[in-house]
């Protein structure tokens, strides 16, 4: 059991990289994207590969949205 003296304290609040990731994640804007990968190749062997964006299925789900479009497209001050 670690002692209280050895325990690390996590900084309070959100890191800038976490905020950036949330703002740029399509799911948090309510856009669900599926079928980005396929598991089998043409011969039927298991070989996970990335599908082209034209084959992705996009569905807008307002109930998943936690970030407004204005926040996600606003330019960074840095």
PDB file of N, CA and C in Angstrom:
ATOM      1  N   UNK A   1       0.852  -1.174   0.000  1.00  0.00           N
ATOM      2  CA  UNK A   1       0.000   0.000   0.000  1.00  0.00           C
ATOM      3  C   UNK A   1       0.900   1.239   0.000  1.00  0.00           C
ATOM      4  N   UNK A   2       0.763   2.122  -0.991  1.00  0.00           N
ATOM      5  CA  UNK A   2       1.620   3.306  -1.042  1.00  0.00           C
ATOM      6  C   UNK A   2       1.284   4.287   0.077  1.00  0.00           C
ATOM      7  N   UNK A   3       2.307   4.929   0.564  1.00  0.00           N
ATOM      8  CA  UNK A   3       2.088   5.902   1.632  1.00  0.00           C
ATOM      9  C   UNK A   3       1.582   7.212   1.045  1.00  0.00           C
ATOM     10  N   UNK A   4       1.034   8.045   1.887  1.00  0.00           N
ATOM     11  CA  UNK A   4       0.502   9.337   1.451  1.00  0.00           C
ATOM     12  C   UNK A   4       1.614  10.246   0.946  1.00  0.00           C
ATOM     13  N   UNK A   5       2.831  10.052   1.428  1.00  0.00           N
ATOM     14  CA  UNK A   5       3.945  10.893   1.001  1.00  0.00           C
ATOM     15  C   UNK A   5       4.389  10.589  -0.430  1.00  0.00           C
ATOM     16  N   UNK A   6       4.179   9.364  -0.860  1.00  0.00           N
ATOM     17  CA  UNK A   6       4.636   8.942  -2.179  1.00  0.00           C
ATOM     18  C   UNK A   6       3.580   9.205  -3.256  1.00  0.00           C
ATOM     19  N   UNK A   7       2.338   9.307  -2.862  1.00  0.00           N
ATOM     20  CA  UNK A   7       1.251   9.460  -3.836  1.00  0.00           C
ATOM     21  C   UNK A   7       1.411  10.748  -4.640  1.00  0.00           C
ATOM     22  N   UNK A   8       1.210  10.638  -5.946  1.00  0.00           N
ATOM     23  CA  UNK A   8       1.274  11.811  -6.819  1.00  0.00           C
ATOM     24  C   UNK A   8      -0.068  12.523  -6.823  1.00  0.00           C
ATOM     25  N   UNK A   9      -0.020  13.815  -6.926  1.00  0.00           N
ATOM     26  CA  UNK A   9      -1.239  14.610  -6.979  1.00  0.00           C
ATOM     27  C   UNK A   9      -1.454  15.040  -8.421  1.00  0.00           C
ATOM     28  N   UNK A  10      -2.629  14.763  -8.957  1.00  0.00           N
ATOM     29  CA  UNK A  10      -2.948  15.174 -10.318  1.00  0.00           C
ATOM     30  C   UNK A  10      -3.342  16.642 -10.309  1.00  0.00           C
ATOM     31  N   UNK A  11      -2.926  17.384 -11.310  1.00  0.00           N
ATOM     32  CA  UNK A  11      -3.305  18.795 -11.366  1.00  0.00           C
ATOM     33  C   UNK A  11      -4.810  18.936 -11.580  1.00  0.00           C
ATOM     34  N   UNK A  12      -5.379  19.953 -10.965  1.00  0.00           N
ATOM     35  CA  UNK A  12      -6.812  20.200 -11.102  1.00  0.00           C
ATOM     36  C   UNK A  12      -7.101  20.843 -12.446  1.00  0.00           C
ATOM     37  N   UNK A  13      -8.264  20.577 -12.973  1.00  0.00           N
ATOM     38  CA  UNK A  13      -8.682  21.207 -14.224  1.00  0.00           C
ATOM     39  C   UNK A  13      -8.352  20.369 -15.449  1.00  0.00           C
ATOM     40  N   UNK A  14      -8.614  20.961 -16.609  1.00  0.00           N
ATOM     41  CA  UNK A  14      -8.428  20.296 -17.892  1.00  0.00           C
ATOM     42  C   UNK A  14      -7.142  20.784 -18.535  1.00  0.00           C
ATOM     43  N   UNK A  15      -6.411  19.877 -19.139  1.00  0.00           N
ATOM     44  CA  UNK A  15      -5.207  20.282 -19.862  1.00  0.00           C
ATOM     45  C   UNK A  15      -5.618  20.835 -21.227  1.00  0.00           C
ATOM     46  N   UNK A  16      -4.830  21.745 -21.787  1.00  0.00           N
ATOM     47  CA  UNK A  16      -5.163  22.304 -23.106  1.00  0.00           C
ATOM     48  C   UNK A  16      -5.310  21.234 -24.188  1.00  0.00           C
ATOM     49  N   UNK A  17      -4.503  20.189 -24.138  1.00  0.00           N
ATOM     50  CA  UNK A  17      -4.603  19.149 -25.169  1.00  0.00           C
ATOM     51  C   UNK A  17      -5.911  18.365 -25.052  1.00  0.00           C
ATOM     52  N   UNK A  18      -6.401  18.160 -23.833  1.00  0.00           N
ATOM     53  CA  UNK A  18      -7.673  17.470 -23.650  1.00  0.00           C
ATOM     54  C   UNK A  18      -8.819  18.308 -24.183  1.00  0.00           C
ATOM     55  N   UNK A  19      -8.809  19.599 -23.907  1.00  0.00           N
ATOM     56  CA  UNK A  19      -9.855  20.496 -24.411  1.00  0.00           C
ATOM     57  C   UNK A  19      -9.841  20.505 -25.933  1.00  0.00           C
ATOM     58  N   UNK A  20      -8.647  20.589 -26.531  1.00  0.00           N
ATOM     59  CA  UNK A  20      -8.529  20.581 -27.995  1.00  0.00           C
ATOM     60  C   UNK A  20      -9.091  19.285 -28.576  1.00  0.00           C
ATOM     61  N   UNK A  21      -8.760  18.158 -27.962  1.00  0.00           N
ATOM     62  CA  UNK A  21      -9.247  16.872 -28.453  1.00  0.00           C
ATOM     63  C   UNK A  21     -10.769  16.783 -28.390  1.00  0.00           C
ATOM     64  N   UNK A  22     -11.370  17.271 -27.317  1.00  0.00           N
ATOM     65  CA  UNK A  22     -12.828  17.252 -27.194  1.00  0.00           C
ATOM     66  C   UNK A  22     -13.459  18.145 -28.256  1.00  0.00           C
ATOM     67  N   UNK A  23     -12.912  19.335 -28.465  1.00  0.00           N
ATOM     68  CA  UNK A  23     -13.482  20.261 -29.444  1.00  0.00           C
ATOM     69  C   UNK A  23     -13.377  19.743 -30.872  1.00  0.00           C
ATOM     70  N   UNK A  24     -12.367  18.930 -31.154  1.00  0.00           N
ATOM     71  CA  UNK A  24     -12.177  18.436 -32.518  1.00  0.00           C
ATOM     72  C   UNK A  24     -12.732  17.029 -32.755  1.00  0.00           C
ATOM     73  N   UNK A  25     -13.270  16.403 -31.737  1.00  0.00           N
ATOM     74  CA  UNK A  25     -13.815  15.056 -31.878  1.00  0.00           C
ATOM     75  C   UNK A  25     -15.216  15.133 -32.481  1.00  0.00           C
ATOM     76  N   UNK A  26     -15.424  14.467 -33.618  1.00  0.00           N
ATOM     77  CA  UNK A  26     -16.713  14.511 -34.312  1.00  0.00           C
ATOM     78  C   UNK A  26     -17.853  13.996 -33.449  1.00  0.00           C
ATOM     79  N   UNK A  27     -17.593  13.003 -32.634  1.00  0.00           N
ATOM     80  CA  UNK A  27     -18.645  12.420 -31.814  1.00  0.00           C
ATOM     81  C   UNK A  27     -19.229  13.443 -30.847  1.00  0.00           C
ATOM     82  N   UNK A  28     -18.394  14.302 -30.271  1.00  0.00           N
ATOM     83  CA  UNK A  28     -18.880  15.304 -29.326  1.00  0.00           C
ATOM     84  C   UNK A  28     -19.664  16.415 -30.011  1.00  0.00           C
ATOM     85  N   UNK A  29     -19.583  16.504 -31.340  1.00  0.00           N
ATOM     86  CA  UNK A  29     -20.407  17.441 -32.108  1.00  0.00           C
ATOM     87  C   UNK A  29     -21.699  16.781 -32.575  1.00  0.00           C
ATOM     88  N   UNK A  30     -21.886  15.514 -32.208  1.00  0.00           N
ATOM     89  CA  UNK A  30     -23.100  14.792 -32.563  1.00  0.00           C
ATOM     90  C   UNK A  30     -22.997  14.037 -33.872  1.00  0.00           C
ATOM     91  N   UNK A  31     -21.814  13.920 -34.441  1.00  0.00           N
ATOM     92  CA  UNK A  31     -21.625  13.213 -35.706  1.00  0.00           C
ATOM     93  C   UNK A  31     -21.007  11.843 -35.437  1.00  0.00           C
ATOM     94  N   UNK A  32     -21.812  10.818 -35.591  1.00  0.00           N
ATOM     95  CA  UNK A  32     -21.362   9.450 -35.377  1.00  0.00           C
ATOM     96  C   UNK A  32     -20.865   8.901 -36.708  1.00  0.00           C
ATOM     97  N   UNK A  33     -19.630   8.440 -36.744  1.00  0.00           N
ATOM     98  CA  UNK A  33     -19.030   7.905 -37.967  1.00  0.00           C
ATOM     99  C   UNK A  33     -18.696   6.438 -37.725  1.00  0.00           C
ATOM    100  N   UNK A  34     -19.242   5.558 -38.571  1.00  0.00           N
ATOM    101  CA  UNK A  34     -18.999   4.130 -38.427  1.00  0.00           C
ATOM    102  C   UNK A  34     -18.417   3.553 -39.714  1.00  0.00           C
ATOM    103  N   UNK A  35     -17.990   2.330 -39.646  1.00  0.00           N
ATOM    104  CA  UNK A  35     -17.411   1.593 -40.778  1.00  0.00           C
ATOM    105  C   UNK A  35     -16.157   2.266 -41.325  1.00  0.00           C
ATOM    106  N   UNK A  36     -15.299   2.762 -40.427  1.00  0.00           N
ATOM    107  CA  UNK A  36     -14.021   3.342 -40.848  1.00  0.00           C
ATOM    108  C   UNK A  36     -13.010   2.257 -41.203  1.00  0.00           C
ATOM    109  N   UNK A  37     -13.210   1.066 -40.665  1.00  0.00           N
ATOM    110  CA  UNK A  37     -12.286  -0.035 -40.957  1.00  0.00           C
ATOM    111  C   UNK A  37     -13.071  -1.276 -41.349  1.00  0.00           C
ATOM    112  N   UNK A  38     -12.384  -2.205 -42.005  1.00  0.00           N
ATOM    113  CA  UNK A  38     -12.965  -3.515 -42.283  1.00  0.00           C
ATOM    114  C   UNK A  38     -11.990  -4.562 -41.770  1.00  0.00           C
ATOM    115  N   UNK A  39     -12.528  -5.703 -41.376  1.00  0.00           N
ATOM    116  CA  UNK A  39     -11.689  -6.711 -40.726  1.00  0.00           C
ATOM    117  C   UNK A  39     -11.186  -7.784 -41.674  1.00  0.00           C
ATOM    118  N   UNK A  40     -11.828  -7.957 -42.796  1.00  0.00           N
ATOM    119  CA  UNK A  40     -11.417  -9.019 -43.719  1.00  0.00           C
ATOM    120  C   UNK A  40     -11.038  -8.426 -45.064  1.00  0.00           C
ATOM    121  N   UNK A  41     -10.017  -9.013 -45.665  1.00  0.00           N
ATOM    122  CA  UNK A  41      -9.630  -8.555 -46.996  1.00  0.00           C
ATOM    123  C   UNK A  41     -10.451  -9.302 -48.053  1.00  0.00           C
ATOM    124  N   UNK A  42     -10.160  -9.075 -49.311  1.00  0.00           N
ATOM    125  CA  UNK A  42     -10.949  -9.670 -50.404  1.00  0.00           C
ATOM    126  C   UNK A  42     -10.922 -11.192 -50.407  1.00  0.00           C
ATOM    127  N   UNK A  43      -9.846 -11.778 -49.944  1.00  0.00           N
ATOM    128  CA  UNK A  43      -9.750 -13.244 -49.928  1.00  0.00           C
ATOM    129  C   UNK A  43     -10.423 -13.866 -48.703  1.00  0.00           C
ATOM    130  N   UNK A  44     -10.905 -13.024 -47.770  1.00  0.00           N
ATOM    131  CA  UNK A  44     -11.580 -13.526 -46.580  1.00  0.00           C
ATOM    132  C   UNK A  44     -10.689 -13.664 -45.366  1.00  0.00           C
ATOM    133  N   UNK A  45      -9.406 -13.377 -45.534  1.00  0.00           N
ATOM    134  CA  UNK A  45      -8.484 -13.446 -44.401  1.00  0.00           C
ATOM    135  C   UNK A  45      -8.703 -12.259 -43.470  1.00  0.00           C
ATOM    136  N   UNK A  46      -8.461 -12.498 -42.180  1.00  0.00           N
ATOM    137  CA  UNK A  46      -8.593 -11.426 -41.201  1.00  0.00           C
ATOM    138  C   UNK A  46      -7.392 -10.501 -41.337  1.00  0.00           C
ATOM    139  N   UNK A  47      -7.666  -9.278 -41.759  1.00  0.00           N
ATOM    140  CA  UNK A  47      -6.612  -8.283 -41.946  1.00  0.00           C
ATOM    141  C   UNK A  47      -7.246  -6.904 -41.795  1.00  0.00           C
ATOM    142  N   UNK A  48      -7.287  -6.360 -40.571  1.00  0.00           N
ATOM    143  CA  UNK A  48      -7.916  -5.051 -40.377  1.00  0.00           C
ATOM    144  C   UNK A  48      -7.282  -3.984 -41.271  1.00  0.00           C
ATOM    145  N   UNK A  49      -8.120  -3.306 -42.034  1.00  0.00           N
ATOM    146  CA  UNK A  49      -7.646  -2.242 -42.918  1.00  0.00           C
ATOM    147  C   UNK A  49      -8.590  -1.056 -42.849  1.00  0.00           C
ATOM    148  N   UNK A  50      -8.061   0.103 -43.147  1.00  0.00           N
ATOM    149  CA  UNK A  50      -8.835   1.341 -43.123  1.00  0.00           C
ATOM    150  C   UNK A  50      -9.618   1.473 -44.430  1.00  0.00           C
ATOM    151  N   UNK A  51     -10.897   1.831 -44.324  1.00  0.00           N
ATOM    152  CA  UNK A  51     -11.727   2.070 -45.512  1.00  0.00           C
ATOM    153  C   UNK A  51     -11.527   3.506 -45.982  1.00  0.00           C
ATOM    154  N   UNK A  52     -11.761   3.778 -47.265  1.00  0.00           N
ATOM    155  CA  UNK A  52     -11.695   5.164 -47.733  1.00  0.00           C
ATOM    156  C   UNK A  52     -12.867   5.965 -47.147  1.00  0.00           C
ATOM    157  N   UNK A  53     -12.698   7.270 -46.918  1.00  0.00           N
ATOM    158  CA  UNK A  53     -13.776   8.090 -46.336  1.00  0.00           C
ATOM    159  C   UNK A  53     -15.092   8.022 -47.110  1.00  0.00           C
ATOM    160  N   UNK A  54     -15.050   7.732 -48.391  1.00  0.00           N
ATOM    161  CA  UNK A  54     -16.287   7.640 -49.174  1.00  0.00           C
ATOM    162  C   UNK A  54     -17.159   6.462 -48.733  1.00  0.00           C
ATOM    163  N   UNK A  55     -16.591   5.466 -48.058  1.00  0.00           N
ATOM    164  CA  UNK A  55     -17.343   4.299 -47.592  1.00  0.00           C
ATOM    165  C   UNK A  55     -17.819   4.433 -46.143  1.00  0.00           C
ATOM    166  N   UNK A  56     -17.385   5.472 -45.442  1.00  0.00           N
ATOM    167  CA  UNK A  56     -17.804   5.658 -44.058  1.00  0.00           C
ATOM    168  C   UNK A  56     -19.287   5.995 -44.009  1.00  0.00           C
ATOM    169  N   UNK A  57     -19.952   5.589 -42.947  1.00  0.00           N
ATOM    170  CA  UNK A  57     -21.359   5.910 -42.737  1.00  0.00           C
ATOM    171  C   UNK A  57     -21.425   6.966 -41.644  1.00  0.00           C
ATOM    172  N   UNK A  58     -22.021   8.111 -41.983  1.00  0.00           N
ATOM    173  CA  UNK A  58     -22.143   9.220 -41.028  1.00  0.00           C
ATOM    174  C   UNK A  58     -23.605   9.407 -40.642  1.00  0.00           C
ATOM    175  N   UNK A  59     -23.843   9.526 -39.337  1.00  0.00           N
ATOM    176  CA  UNK A  59     -25.188   9.748 -38.814  1.00  0.00           C
ATOM    177  C   UNK A  59     -25.102  10.882 -37.807  1.00  0.00           C
ATOM    178  N   UNK A  60     -25.969  11.893 -37.955  1.00  0.00           N
ATOM    179  CA  UNK A  60     -25.984  12.981 -36.975  1.00  0.00           C
ATOM    180  C   UNK A  60     -26.908  12.587 -35.836  1.00  0.00           C
ATOM    181  N   UNK A  61     -26.387  12.634 -34.611  1.00  0.00           N
ATOM    182  CA  UNK A  61     -27.147  12.297 -33.415  1.00  0.00           C
ATOM    183  C   UNK A  61     -27.098  13.480 -32.461  1.00  0.00           C
ATOM    184  N   UNK A  62     -28.155  14.258 -32.458  1.00  0.00           N
ATOM    185  CA  UNK A  62     -28.220  15.454 -31.616  1.00  0.00           C
ATOM    186  C   UNK A  62     -28.093  15.105 -30.132  1.00  0.00           C
ATOM    187  N   UNK A  63     -28.551  13.917 -29.732  1.00  0.00           N
ATOM    188  CA  UNK A  63     -28.480  13.529 -28.322  1.00  0.00           C
ATOM    189  C   UNK A  63     -27.047  13.269 -27.853  1.00  0.00           C
ATOM    190  N   UNK A  64     -26.114  13.069 -28.769  1.00  0.00           N
ATOM    191  CA  UNK A  64     -24.709  12.862 -28.399  1.00  0.00           C
ATOM    192  C   UNK A  64     -23.917  14.161 -28.350  1.00  0.00           C
ATOM    193  N   UNK A  65     -24.483  15.233 -28.837  1.00  0.00           N
ATOM    194  CA  UNK A  65     -23.772  16.501 -28.964  1.00  0.00           C
ATOM    195  C   UNK A  65     -23.540  17.153 -27.602  1.00  0.00           C
ATOM    196  N   UNK A  66     -22.264  17.482 -27.322  1.00  0.00           N
ATOM    197  CA  UNK A  66     -21.946  18.252 -26.118  1.00  0.00           C
ATOM    198  C   UNK A  66     -21.139  19.497 -26.464  1.00  0.00           C
ATOM    199  N   UNK A  67     -20.759  19.638 -27.748  1.00  0.00           N
ATOM    200  CA  UNK A  67     -19.988  20.793 -28.205  1.00  0.00           C
ATOM    201  C   UNK A  67     -20.759  21.442 -29.342  1.00  0.00           C
ATOM    202  N   UNK A  68     -20.967  22.767 -29.259  1.00  0.00           N
ATOM    203  CA  UNK A  68     -21.661  23.453 -30.347  1.00  0.00           C
ATOM    204  C   UNK A  68     -20.729  23.602 -31.540  1.00  0.00           C
ATOM    205  N   UNK A  69     -21.300  23.749 -32.720  1.00  0.00           N
ATOM    206  CA  UNK A  69     -20.485  23.880 -33.938  1.00  0.00           C
ATOM    207  C   UNK A  69     -19.606  25.121 -33.874  1.00  0.00           C
ATOM    208  N   UNK A  70     -20.091  26.198 -33.285  1.00  0.00           N
ATOM    209  CA  UNK A  70     -19.308  27.422 -33.187  1.00  0.00           C
ATOM    210  C   UNK A  70     -18.032  27.236 -32.386  1.00  0.00           C
ATOM    211  N   UNK A  71     -18.104  26.457 -31.319  1.00  0.00           N
ATOM    212  CA  UNK A  71     -16.910  26.222 -30.492  1.00  0.00           C
ATOM    213  C   UNK A  71     -15.889  25.366 -31.220  1.00  0.00           C
ATOM    214  N   UNK A  72     -16.347  24.398 -31.971  1.00  0.00           N
ATOM    215  CA  UNK A  72     -15.409  23.475 -32.605  1.00  0.00           C
ATOM    216  C   UNK A  72     -14.742  24.067 -33.837  1.00  0.00           C
ATOM    217  N   UNK A  73     -15.338  25.085 -34.452  1.00  0.00           N
ATOM    218  CA  UNK A  73     -14.744  25.667 -35.654  1.00  0.00           C
ATOM    219  C   UNK A  73     -14.020  26.974 -35.385  1.00  0.00           C
ATOM    220  N   UNK A  74     -14.154  27.509 -34.180  1.00  0.00           N
ATOM    221  CA  UNK A  74     -13.489  28.757 -33.834  1.00  0.00           C
ATOM    222  C   UNK A  74     -11.980  28.582 -33.860  1.00  0.00           C
ATOM    223  N   UNK A  75     -11.267  29.575 -34.350  1.00  0.00           N
ATOM    224  CA  UNK A  75      -9.804  29.477 -34.450  1.00  0.00           C
ATOM    225  C   UNK A  75      -9.153  29.595 -33.084  1.00  0.00           C
ATOM    226  N   UNK A  76      -8.067  28.912 -32.936  1.00  0.00           N
ATOM    227  CA  UNK A  76      -7.297  28.951 -31.695  1.00  0.00           C
ATOM    228  C   UNK A  76      -6.555  30.274 -31.574  1.00  0.00           C
ATOM    229  N   UNK A  77      -6.322  30.715 -30.339  1.00  0.00           N
ATOM    230  CA  UNK A  77      -5.582  31.959 -30.109  1.00  0.00           C
ATOM    231  C   UNK A  77      -4.086  31.741 -30.126  1.00  0.00           C
ATOM    232  N   UNK A  78      -3.642  30.513 -30.253  1.00  0.00           N
ATOM    233  CA  UNK A  78      -2.198  30.254 -30.222  1.00  0.00           C
ATOM    234  C   UNK A  78      -1.624  30.131 -31.599  1.00  0.00           C
TER     235      UNK A  78
END
